[in-house]
Amino acid sequence: MQIIEISPFQAFRRSVTTVMQVVPKELRYVAILTLLGGAGPGIAIWLNKTIIDEITRLLSTGTTQNAIALILSQSLLLSSIAGSLLVNLVSDAILARRRHRSR
């Protein structure tokens, strides 16, 4: 048997091709979870920035009486808070899943 010399890129390509043939569904799930896990911190920062901007805008109007009603009337603020909670929950779930699998 003769040893074939291949470049690292060719070895990587062959490995990915083999994985795609053997477990295509799992590879797709891993790719989606990796993309979500990577995008999570950026989305969380953007949502937190939106929350801070909206609260600053509300405070600059000088209206602080009945603050809960004021906050509840702001749809952008509420959706940013809900989105931030959702992104953090999904990111934590992805990290917990990765930790569980690595054991």
C-alpha atoms as a PDB file:
ATOM      1  CA  MET A   1       0.000   0.000   0.000  1.00  0.00           C
ATOM      2  CA  GLN A   2       1.340   3.402  -0.987  1.00  0.00           C
ATOM      3  CA  ILE A   3       0.956   6.526   1.160  1.00  0.00           C
ATOM      4  CA  ILE A   4      -0.692   9.464  -0.620  1.00  0.00           C
ATOM      5  CA  GLU A   5       0.543  12.969   0.168  1.00  0.00           C
ATOM      6  CA  ILE A   6      -2.327  15.472   0.398  1.00  0.00           C
ATOM      7  CA  SER A   7      -2.499  19.058   1.594  1.00  0.00           C
ATOM      8  CA  PRO A   8      -4.282  19.996   4.824  1.00  0.00           C
ATOM      9  CA  PHE A   9      -7.055  21.628   2.773  1.00  0.00           C
ATOM     10  CA  GLN A  10      -7.610  18.417   0.785  1.00  0.00           C
ATOM     11  CA  ALA A  11      -7.662  16.401   4.011  1.00  0.00           C
ATOM     12  CA  PHE A  12     -10.215  18.795   5.491  1.00  0.00           C
ATOM     13  CA  ARG A  13     -12.358  18.614   2.361  1.00  0.00           C
ATOM     14  CA  ARG A  14     -12.273  14.828   2.389  1.00  0.00           C
ATOM     15  CA  SER A  15     -13.172  14.769   6.081  1.00  0.00           C
ATOM     16  CA  VAL A  16     -16.153  17.074   5.605  1.00  0.00           C
ATOM     17  CA  THR A  17     -17.323  15.055   2.610  1.00  0.00           C
ATOM     18  CA  THR A  18     -17.127  11.862   4.649  1.00  0.00           C
ATOM     19  CA  VAL A  19     -19.048  13.409   7.557  1.00  0.00           C
ATOM     20  CA  MET A  20     -21.701  14.749   5.166  1.00  0.00           C
ATOM     21  CA  GLN A  21     -22.174  11.266   3.748  1.00  0.00           C
ATOM     22  CA  VAL A  22     -22.296   9.486   7.105  1.00  0.00           C
ATOM     23  CA  VAL A  23     -24.318  11.895   9.291  1.00  0.00           C
ATOM     24  CA  PRO A  24     -25.814  14.711   7.169  1.00  0.00           C
ATOM     25  CA  LYS A  25     -28.616  15.618   9.586  1.00  0.00           C
ATOM     26  CA  GLU A  26     -26.327  15.888  12.604  1.00  0.00           C
ATOM     27  CA  LEU A  27     -23.835  18.013  10.657  1.00  0.00           C
ATOM     28  CA  ARG A  28     -26.649  20.384   9.726  1.00  0.00           C
ATOM     29  CA  TYR A  29     -27.744  20.660  13.380  1.00  0.00           C
ATOM     30  CA  VAL A  30     -24.185  21.293  14.548  1.00  0.00           C
ATOM     31  CA  ALA A  31     -23.737  24.005  11.904  1.00  0.00           C
ATOM     32  CA  ILE A  32     -27.003  25.729  12.871  1.00  0.00           C
ATOM     33  CA  LEU A  33     -26.206  25.578  16.593  1.00  0.00           C
ATOM     34  CA  THR A  34     -22.707  26.913  15.963  1.00  0.00           C
ATOM     35  CA  LEU A  35     -24.079  29.847  13.968  1.00  0.00           C
ATOM     36  CA  LEU A  36     -26.690  30.585  16.633  1.00  0.00           C
ATOM     37  CA  GLY A  37     -24.104  30.317  19.383  1.00  0.00           C
ATOM     38  CA  GLY A  38     -21.769  32.662  17.545  1.00  0.00           C
ATOM     39  CA  ALA A  39     -24.448  35.220  16.720  1.00  0.00           C
ATOM     40  CA  GLY A  40     -25.920  35.197  20.228  1.00  0.00           C
ATOM     41  CA  PRO A  41     -23.464  37.562  21.935  1.00  0.00           C
ATOM     42  CA  GLY A  42     -23.657  40.113  19.115  1.00  0.00           C
ATOM     43  CA  ILE A  43     -27.451  40.087  19.125  1.00  0.00           C
ATOM     44  CA  ALA A  44     -27.499  40.338  22.937  1.00  0.00           C
ATOM     45  CA  ILE A  45     -25.219  43.395  22.855  1.00  0.00           C
ATOM     46  CA  TRP A  46     -27.397  45.081  20.220  1.00  0.00           C
ATOM     47  CA  LEU A  47     -30.584  44.379  22.217  1.00  0.00           C
ATOM     48  CA  ASN A  48     -28.996  45.653  25.444  1.00  0.00           C
ATOM     49  CA  LYS A  49     -27.925  48.819  23.605  1.00  0.00           C
ATOM     50  CA  THR A  50     -31.504  49.300  22.392  1.00  0.00           C
ATOM     51  CA  ILE A  51     -32.821  48.855  25.930  1.00  0.00           C
ATOM     52  CA  ILE A  52     -30.366  51.421  27.312  1.00  0.00           C
ATOM     53  CA  ASP A  53     -31.144  53.874  24.488  1.00  0.00           C
ATOM     54  CA  GLU A  54     -34.891  53.586  25.042  1.00  0.00           C
ATOM     55  CA  ILE A  55     -34.622  53.988  28.823  1.00  0.00           C
ATOM     56  CA  THR A  56     -32.338  57.000  28.363  1.00  0.00           C
ATOM     57  CA  ARG A  57     -34.815  58.522  25.914  1.00  0.00           C
ATOM     58  CA  LEU A  58     -37.675  57.978  28.359  1.00  0.00           C
ATOM     59  CA  LEU A  59     -35.706  59.478  31.251  1.00  0.00           C
ATOM     60  CA  SER A  60     -34.728  62.517  29.179  1.00  0.00           C
ATOM     61  CA  THR A  61     -38.396  63.441  28.774  1.00  0.00           C
ATOM     62  CA  GLY A  62     -38.532  64.062  32.527  1.00  0.00           C
ATOM     63  CA  THR A  63     -41.615  61.901  33.054  1.00  0.00           C
ATOM     64  CA  THR A  64     -40.874  59.478  35.858  1.00  0.00           C
ATOM     65  CA  GLN A  65     -44.312  59.247  37.439  1.00  0.00           C
ATOM     66  CA  ASN A  66     -46.059  55.964  36.806  1.00  0.00           C
ATOM     67  CA  ALA A  67     -42.860  54.459  35.387  1.00  0.00           C
ATOM     68  CA  ILE A  68     -44.304  50.962  34.959  1.00  0.00           C
ATOM     69  CA  ALA A  69     -47.147  52.227  32.747  1.00  0.00           C
ATOM     70  CA  LEU A  70     -44.651  54.305  30.767  1.00  0.00           C
ATOM     71  CA  ILE A  71     -42.370  51.312  30.183  1.00  0.00           C
ATOM     72  CA  LEU A  72     -45.292  49.036  29.275  1.00  0.00           C
ATOM     73  CA  SER A  73     -46.456  51.541  26.650  1.00  0.00           C
ATOM     74  CA  GLN A  74     -43.123  51.385  24.778  1.00  0.00           C
ATOM     75  CA  SER A  75     -43.294  48.504  22.298  1.00  0.00           C
ATOM     76  CA  LEU A  76     -39.628  48.776  21.182  1.00  0.00           C
ATOM     77  CA  LEU A  77     -38.434  48.609  24.783  1.00  0.00           C
ATOM     78  CA  LEU A  78     -40.651  45.646  25.616  1.00  0.00           C
ATOM     79  CA  SER A  79     -39.683  43.710  22.500  1.00  0.00           C
ATOM     80  CA  SER A  80     -35.981  44.401  23.174  1.00  0.00           C
ATOM     81  CA  ILE A  81     -36.321  43.099  26.730  1.00  0.00           C
ATOM     82  CA  ALA A  82     -38.183  39.991  25.521  1.00  0.00           C
ATOM     83  CA  GLY A  83     -35.622  39.439  22.762  1.00  0.00           C
ATOM     84  CA  SER A  84     -32.745  39.819  25.192  1.00  0.00           C
ATOM     85  CA  LEU A  85     -34.273  37.236  27.515  1.00  0.00           C
ATOM     86  CA  LEU A  86     -34.874  34.853  24.601  1.00  0.00           C
ATOM     87  CA  VAL A  87     -31.333  35.224  23.239  1.00  0.00           C
ATOM     88  CA  ASN A  88     -29.840  34.608  26.687  1.00  0.00           C
ATOM     89  CA  LEU A  89     -32.015  31.532  27.235  1.00  0.00           C
ATOM     90  CA  VAL A  90     -31.116  30.056  23.838  1.00  0.00           C
ATOM     91  CA  SER A  91     -27.404  30.814  24.301  1.00  0.00           C
ATOM     92  CA  ASP A  92     -27.408  29.215  27.743  1.00  0.00           C
ATOM     93  CA  ALA A  93     -29.228  26.156  26.388  1.00  0.00           C
ATOM     94  CA  ILE A  94     -26.683  25.772  23.586  1.00  0.00           C
ATOM     95  CA  LEU A  95     -23.784  26.082  26.026  1.00  0.00           C
ATOM     96  CA  ALA A  96     -25.363  23.598  28.435  1.00  0.00           C
ATOM     97  CA  ARG A  97     -25.876  21.148  25.581  1.00  0.00           C
ATOM     98  CA  ARG A  98     -22.244  21.492  24.516  1.00  0.00           C
ATOM     99  CA  ARG A  99     -21.019  20.927  28.083  1.00  0.00           C
ATOM    100  CA  HIS A 100     -23.254  17.903  28.474  1.00  0.00           C
ATOM    101  CA  ARG A 101     -21.999  16.341  25.229  1.00  0.00           C
ATOM    102  CA  SER A 102     -18.341  16.909  26.063  1.00  0.00           C
ATOM    103  CA  ARG A 103     -18.576  14.725  29.178  1.00  0.00           C
END
